[in-house]
Amino acid sequence: MIVGIVGLGLIGGSLGLELRSQGYRVLGVSRQAATCERAIIRGAVDAAGVDYSLLATADLIFLCPPLQAIPITVAQLLPHLHPQAILTDVGSVKGPIVEAIAPLWPRFIGGHPMAGTADQGIEAAHLGLFRDAPYILTPTPTTPPDCVAAMTAIIEVLGSHLYTCSPADHDQAVAAISHLPVFVSAALIASCEQESNPQVRKLAQAFASSGFRDTSRVGGGNPELGRMMAQYNATALGRSLRAYRDRLDHLITQLEAQDWDNLEAFLTTTAAARPAYVAPHAPPSPPTHQPGPAGGGL
């Protein structure tokens, strides 16, 4: 199988390194010739260039540009695809991407590897990025079964844990555990910055330690990425933000009422619930979603 990768940053470069180490031939496309050269030097691709025609022989192509660039990338790529080529993306939002691409190319399957680091670009790419991480596929009833099978085999090679679900379920789950924390974390930073007493604010900055560092980390990340999360997953993120606001209002009510027993009970409940989200997980059961026969778009 020949694998193509559009976008040779952290995710695309790491995919290339991993798949080449397993014997796949990997072809890459990037907007910058310098990135292509570095990807070749680093061993992430067998060949790379700035022209989509390089991917004319690719059997499976990963779309790794920023979310907002994925639909236009596909439009530019379509004339160069052979009829049986499979397209997949790595975006963190699935609904709008599947809706935009599936009608253009029926052999598309949405994907999302839940892996990454704070570093970006081809120099940040490394082997093992996807190992033991969740990798979600979002086939629809019209996704050809062989596309699901091909991606399942690739995910096994990457050492990831495969999950399948609908695009809508993916987006709501990711809103709760990935997108919401970014905005909660940003609001935490902003609330500290609202302190009107400069001396108190300076003391808070001096006193901040691991607790604040951990809870504020994602709020201090890439603003463009945060905007894309909100723009492309607005409905699901809004639902999660409202649920979070409801819990904050509940806590304020308990605090003002000096209801310490129920406040402690709340914290006991959340302490018991946390391990299900952060403890190492066993590999999932085999996928239960069975796509229907091949067909058109959504």
Protein backbone atom coordinates (compact mmCIF):
# COMPACT_ATOMS: atom_id res chain seq x y z
CA MET A 1 0.00 0.00 0.00
CA ILE A 2 1.21 3.50 -0.87
CA VAL A 3 0.26 6.09 1.74
CA GLY A 4 -0.02 9.81 1.04
CA ILE A 5 0.12 12.55 3.66
CA VAL A 6 -0.99 16.14 3.11
CA GLY A 7 0.50 18.33 5.82
CA LEU A 8 3.85 17.33 7.24
CA GLY A 9 3.65 18.73 10.75
CA LEU A 10 3.62 16.89 14.07
CA ILE A 11 0.77 14.51 13.17
CA GLY A 12 1.57 14.04 9.49
CA GLY A 13 5.28 13.66 10.12
CA SER A 14 4.74 11.19 12.94
CA LEU A 15 2.38 9.15 10.76
CA GLY A 16 5.05 9.03 8.08
CA LEU A 17 7.78 7.95 10.47
CA GLU A 18 5.60 5.21 11.93
CA LEU A 19 4.31 3.85 8.63
CA ARG A 20 7.71 3.88 6.91
CA SER A 21 9.15 1.98 9.87
CA GLN A 22 6.54 -0.69 9.12
CA GLY A 23 7.45 -0.95 5.44
CA TYR A 24 4.88 1.34 3.83
CA ARG A 25 5.90 3.66 1.01
CA VAL A 26 4.96 7.19 2.09
CA LEU A 27 4.52 10.24 -0.14
CA GLY A 28 4.10 13.70 1.36
CA VAL A 29 2.81 17.10 0.27
CA SER A 30 3.39 20.38 2.08
CA ARG A 31 2.96 24.03 1.15
CA GLN A 32 6.61 24.70 1.96
CA ALA A 33 9.42 23.12 -0.06
CA ALA A 34 11.70 23.43 2.98
CA THR A 35 9.29 21.30 5.02
CA CYS A 36 9.32 18.66 2.28
CA GLU A 37 13.11 18.58 2.36
CA ARG A 38 13.18 18.22 6.14
CA ALA A 39 10.58 15.45 6.03
CA ILE A 40 12.76 13.51 3.59
CA ILE A 41 15.89 14.07 5.66
CA ARG A 42 14.12 12.99 8.85
CA GLY A 43 12.84 9.82 7.18
CA ALA A 44 9.15 10.69 7.46
CA VAL A 45 8.54 10.25 3.71
CA ASP A 46 10.08 8.50 0.74
CA ALA A 47 9.34 11.49 -1.46
CA ALA A 48 7.68 14.87 -0.91
CA GLY A 49 6.74 17.97 -2.84
CA VAL A 50 4.37 20.92 -3.07
CA ASP A 51 2.26 19.51 -5.93
CA TYR A 52 -0.76 17.28 -5.25
CA SER A 53 0.00 15.29 -8.41
CA LEU A 54 2.66 13.50 -6.36
CA LEU A 55 -0.18 11.60 -4.67
CA ALA A 56 -1.69 10.20 -7.88
CA THR A 57 -0.53 6.66 -6.99
CA ALA A 58 -1.48 6.79 -3.29
CA ASP A 59 -3.96 4.18 -2.07
CA LEU A 60 -4.70 5.91 1.24
CA ILE A 61 -4.25 9.62 1.93
CA PHE A 62 -4.20 11.29 5.35
CA LEU A 63 -5.41 14.90 5.38
CA CYS A 64 -3.42 16.69 8.10
CA PRO A 65 -3.81 20.44 7.46
CA PRO A 66 -5.61 22.73 9.95
CA LEU A 67 -9.37 22.11 10.22
CA GLN A 68 -10.36 25.13 8.16
CA ALA A 69 -8.09 24.07 5.30
CA ILE A 70 -9.33 20.47 4.95
CA PRO A 71 -12.29 21.07 2.55
CA ILE A 72 -10.28 23.29 0.17
CA THR A 73 -7.42 20.79 0.32
CA VAL A 74 -9.76 18.02 -0.80
CA ALA A 75 -11.13 20.16 -3.63
CA GLN A 76 -7.59 20.73 -4.92
CA LEU A 77 -6.63 17.09 -4.43
CA LEU A 78 -9.62 15.47 -6.18
CA PRO A 79 -8.33 15.77 -9.78
CA HIS A 80 -5.23 13.78 -8.83
CA LEU A 81 -6.87 10.82 -7.04
CA HIS A 82 -7.25 7.40 -8.58
CA PRO A 83 -10.82 6.03 -8.30
CA GLN A 84 -10.15 3.59 -5.45
CA ALA A 85 -8.11 5.96 -3.28
CA ILE A 86 -9.24 6.27 0.33
CA LEU A 87 -9.26 9.65 2.05
CA THR A 88 -9.19 10.19 5.80
CA ASP A 89 -8.53 13.19 7.99
CA VAL A 90 -7.08 13.71 11.47
CA GLY A 91 -9.17 16.69 12.57
CA SER A 92 -10.49 17.06 16.10
CA VAL A 93 -14.03 17.83 14.87
CA LYS A 94 -15.84 15.37 12.66
CA GLY A 95 -19.39 16.52 11.86
CA PRO A 96 -18.62 19.48 9.57
CA ILE A 97 -15.68 17.70 7.96
CA VAL A 98 -17.66 14.55 7.13
CA GLU A 99 -20.55 16.66 5.82
CA ALA A 100 -18.21 18.65 3.58
CA ILE A 101 -16.08 15.83 2.17
CA ALA A 102 -18.24 12.69 1.94
CA PRO A 103 -20.41 14.12 -0.88
CA LEU A 104 -17.25 15.01 -2.82
CA TRP A 105 -15.48 11.67 -2.35
CA PRO A 106 -17.54 8.66 -1.21
CA ARG A 107 -14.37 6.77 -0.23
CA PHE A 108 -13.78 9.11 2.71
CA ILE A 109 -13.77 8.11 6.36
CA GLY A 110 -13.43 10.60 9.20
CA GLY A 111 -10.66 9.93 11.69
CA HIS A 112 -9.19 11.48 14.82
CA PRO A 113 -6.03 10.24 16.55
CA MET A 114 -6.17 11.51 20.14
CA ALA A 115 -2.45 12.21 20.26
CA GLY A 116 -0.22 15.25 20.22
CA THR A 117 2.30 17.37 22.05
CA ALA A 118 2.77 21.04 22.80
CA ASP A 119 5.38 21.18 20.00
CA GLN A 120 4.43 21.56 16.36
CA GLY A 121 6.01 21.12 12.94
CA ILE A 122 8.04 18.42 11.24
CA GLU A 123 10.85 18.70 13.80
CA ALA A 124 8.40 17.64 16.54
CA ALA A 125 7.40 14.45 14.70
CA HIS A 126 8.48 11.23 16.38
CA LEU A 127 7.90 7.50 16.52
CA GLY A 128 5.44 6.20 19.08
CA LEU A 129 3.17 9.27 19.14
CA PHE A 130 0.05 7.17 18.53
CA ARG A 131 0.94 4.12 20.60
CA ASP A 132 -1.79 3.26 23.16
CA ALA A 133 -3.71 6.41 22.24
CA PRO A 134 -7.38 6.33 21.19
CA TYR A 135 -7.91 6.58 17.43
CA ILE A 136 -11.52 7.30 16.52
CA LEU A 137 -13.14 6.50 13.19
CA THR A 138 -16.54 7.98 12.29
CA PRO A 139 -17.91 5.92 9.39
CA THR A 140 -21.40 6.64 8.16
CA PRO A 141 -23.94 4.15 6.75
CA THR A 142 -22.58 4.91 3.26
CA THR A 143 -18.88 4.43 4.07
CA PRO A 144 -17.52 1.52 1.99
CA PRO A 145 -16.56 -1.40 4.27
CA ASP A 146 -13.14 -1.75 2.65
CA CYS A 147 -12.31 1.82 3.73
CA VAL A 148 -13.07 0.88 7.33
CA ALA A 149 -11.01 -2.30 6.97
CA ALA A 150 -8.01 -0.43 5.53
CA MET A 151 -8.04 2.15 8.31
CA THR A 152 -8.49 -0.54 10.95
CA ALA A 153 -5.31 -2.23 9.69
CA ILE A 154 -3.40 1.07 9.74
CA ILE A 155 -4.54 1.86 13.27
CA GLU A 156 -3.35 -1.55 14.41
CA VAL A 157 0.07 -0.81 12.90
CA LEU A 158 0.18 2.50 14.78
CA GLY A 159 -0.47 0.67 18.05
CA SER A 160 -3.53 2.79 18.79
CA HIS A 161 -6.84 1.72 20.35
CA LEU A 162 -9.62 1.83 17.77
CA TYR A 163 -13.03 3.31 18.58
CA THR A 164 -15.88 3.87 16.14
CA CYS A 165 -18.84 6.18 16.61
CA SER A 166 -20.99 8.65 14.73
CA PRO A 167 -19.55 12.09 13.91
CA ALA A 168 -22.10 13.73 16.23
CA ASP A 169 -21.26 11.49 19.19
CA HIS A 170 -17.55 12.06 18.59
CA ASP A 171 -17.97 15.83 18.60
CA GLN A 172 -19.98 15.91 21.82
CA ALA A 173 -17.55 13.60 23.63
CA VAL A 174 -14.53 15.57 22.46
CA ALA A 175 -16.23 18.83 23.40
CA ALA A 176 -16.53 17.57 26.97
CA ILE A 177 -13.01 16.24 27.50
CA SER A 178 -10.86 18.23 25.07
CA HIS A 179 -12.48 21.46 23.89
CA LEU A 180 -14.24 22.45 27.13
CA PRO A 181 -11.00 22.24 29.17
CA VAL A 182 -9.33 24.73 26.83
CA PHE A 183 -11.99 27.36 27.51
CA VAL A 184 -12.31 26.55 31.21
CA SER A 185 -8.55 26.89 31.49
CA ALA A 186 -8.56 30.17 29.57
CA ALA A 187 -11.36 31.50 31.80
CA LEU A 188 -9.30 30.56 34.86
CA ILE A 189 -6.40 32.66 33.61
CA ALA A 190 -8.75 35.51 32.71
CA SER A 191 -10.38 35.44 36.16
CA CYS A 192 -6.97 35.84 37.79
CA GLU A 193 -6.19 38.72 35.46
CA GLN A 194 -9.40 40.45 36.57
CA GLU A 195 -8.01 40.95 40.07
CA SER A 196 -8.17 44.73 40.52
CA ASN A 197 -5.48 44.94 43.21
CA PRO A 198 -2.09 44.87 41.42
CA GLN A 199 -0.33 43.70 44.58
CA VAL A 200 -2.67 40.74 45.01
CA ARG A 201 -2.25 39.84 41.34
CA LYS A 202 1.55 39.90 41.68
CA LEU A 203 1.34 37.71 44.78
CA ALA A 204 -0.92 35.25 42.93
CA GLN A 205 1.63 35.08 40.11
CA ALA A 206 4.41 34.46 42.62
CA PHE A 207 2.45 31.82 44.54
CA ALA A 208 1.21 29.89 41.48
CA SER A 209 2.58 26.35 41.52
CA SER A 210 1.78 22.93 40.09
CA GLY A 211 -1.98 23.13 40.63
CA PHE A 212 -2.33 26.34 38.65
CA ARG A 213 0.24 25.20 36.10
CA ASP A 214 -1.70 21.99 35.41
CA THR A 215 -5.14 23.57 35.24
CA SER A 216 -4.06 26.56 33.13
CA ARG A 217 -1.83 24.74 30.63
CA VAL A 218 -4.30 24.20 27.80
CA GLY A 219 -5.73 27.70 28.21
CA GLY A 220 -2.32 29.12 27.39
CA GLY A 221 -2.02 27.20 24.13
CA ASN A 222 -2.47 28.07 20.46
CA PRO A 223 -5.29 30.66 20.12
CA GLU A 224 -5.94 29.71 16.49
CA LEU A 225 -6.51 26.10 17.48
CA GLY A 226 -8.91 27.19 20.20
CA ARG A 227 -10.83 29.30 17.73
CA MET A 228 -11.13 26.35 15.33
CA MET A 229 -12.46 24.16 18.16
CA ALA A 230 -15.15 26.73 18.91
CA GLN A 231 -15.97 27.57 15.30
CA TYR A 232 -16.30 23.99 14.07
CA ASN A 233 -17.81 22.45 17.22
CA ALA A 234 -19.91 25.37 18.46
CA THR A 235 -23.09 23.44 19.30
CA ALA A 236 -21.41 20.67 21.26
CA LEU A 237 -19.01 23.06 22.99
CA GLY A 238 -21.87 25.37 23.94
CA ARG A 239 -23.72 22.45 25.50
CA SER A 240 -20.64 21.48 27.52
CA LEU A 241 -20.00 25.07 28.62
CA ARG A 242 -23.59 25.43 29.81
CA ALA A 243 -23.33 22.17 31.78
CA TYR A 244 -20.11 23.43 33.35
CA ARG A 245 -21.70 26.78 34.19
CA ASP A 246 -24.58 24.93 35.84
CA ARG A 247 -22.11 23.09 38.11
CA LEU A 248 -20.37 26.38 38.97
CA ASP A 249 -23.70 27.98 39.87
CA HIS A 250 -24.48 24.97 42.05
CA LEU A 251 -21.16 25.37 43.87
CA ILE A 252 -21.73 29.09 44.40
CA THR A 253 -25.13 28.34 45.91
CA GLN A 254 -23.62 25.82 48.32
CA LEU A 255 -20.83 28.23 49.23
CA GLU A 256 -23.19 31.13 49.93
CA ALA A 257 -25.42 28.86 51.99
CA GLN A 258 -22.39 27.52 53.88
CA ASP A 259 -23.62 24.06 52.98
CA TRP A 260 -20.32 22.38 53.78
CA ASP A 261 -21.70 18.84 54.02
CA ASN A 262 -23.14 18.87 50.51
CA LEU A 263 -20.06 20.64 49.20
CA GLU A 264 -17.90 17.85 50.57
CA ALA A 265 -20.30 15.26 49.15
CA PHE A 266 -19.95 16.90 45.73
CA LEU A 267 -16.15 16.74 45.94
CA THR A 268 -16.34 13.11 47.09
CA THR A 269 -18.43 12.27 44.03
CA THR A 270 -16.08 13.99 41.61
CA ALA A 271 -13.02 12.38 43.21
CA ALA A 272 -14.60 8.97 42.68
CA ALA A 273 -15.55 9.78 39.07
CA ARG A 274 -12.15 11.10 37.96
CA PRO A 275 -10.27 7.77 37.51
CA ALA A 276 -12.67 6.69 34.76
CA TYR A 277 -11.39 9.61 32.69
CA VAL A 278 -7.68 9.60 33.45
CA ALA A 279 -6.69 6.07 34.49
CA PRO A 280 -5.06 3.84 31.85
CA HIS A 281 -7.77 2.20 29.82
CA ALA A 282 -7.93 -1.36 28.56
CA PRO A 283 -8.20 -1.71 24.77
CA PRO A 284 -11.81 -1.28 23.62
CA SER A 285 -14.04 -4.09 22.50
CA PRO A 286 -14.21 -4.77 18.74
CA PRO A 287 -16.22 -2.09 16.92
CA THR A 288 -19.94 -2.71 16.86
CA HIS A 289 -20.70 -0.16 14.12
CA GLN A 290 -21.26 -1.95 10.84
CA PRO A 291 -21.36 0.48 7.89
CA GLY A 292 -23.93 -0.20 5.24
CA PRO A 293 -23.19 -0.79 1.57
CA ALA A 294 -21.04 1.64 -0.35
CA GLY A 295 -22.84 4.65 -1.63
CA GLY A 296 -22.76 8.39 -2.01
CA GLY A 297 -22.26 11.09 0.54
CA LEU A 298 -24.29 11.92 3.63
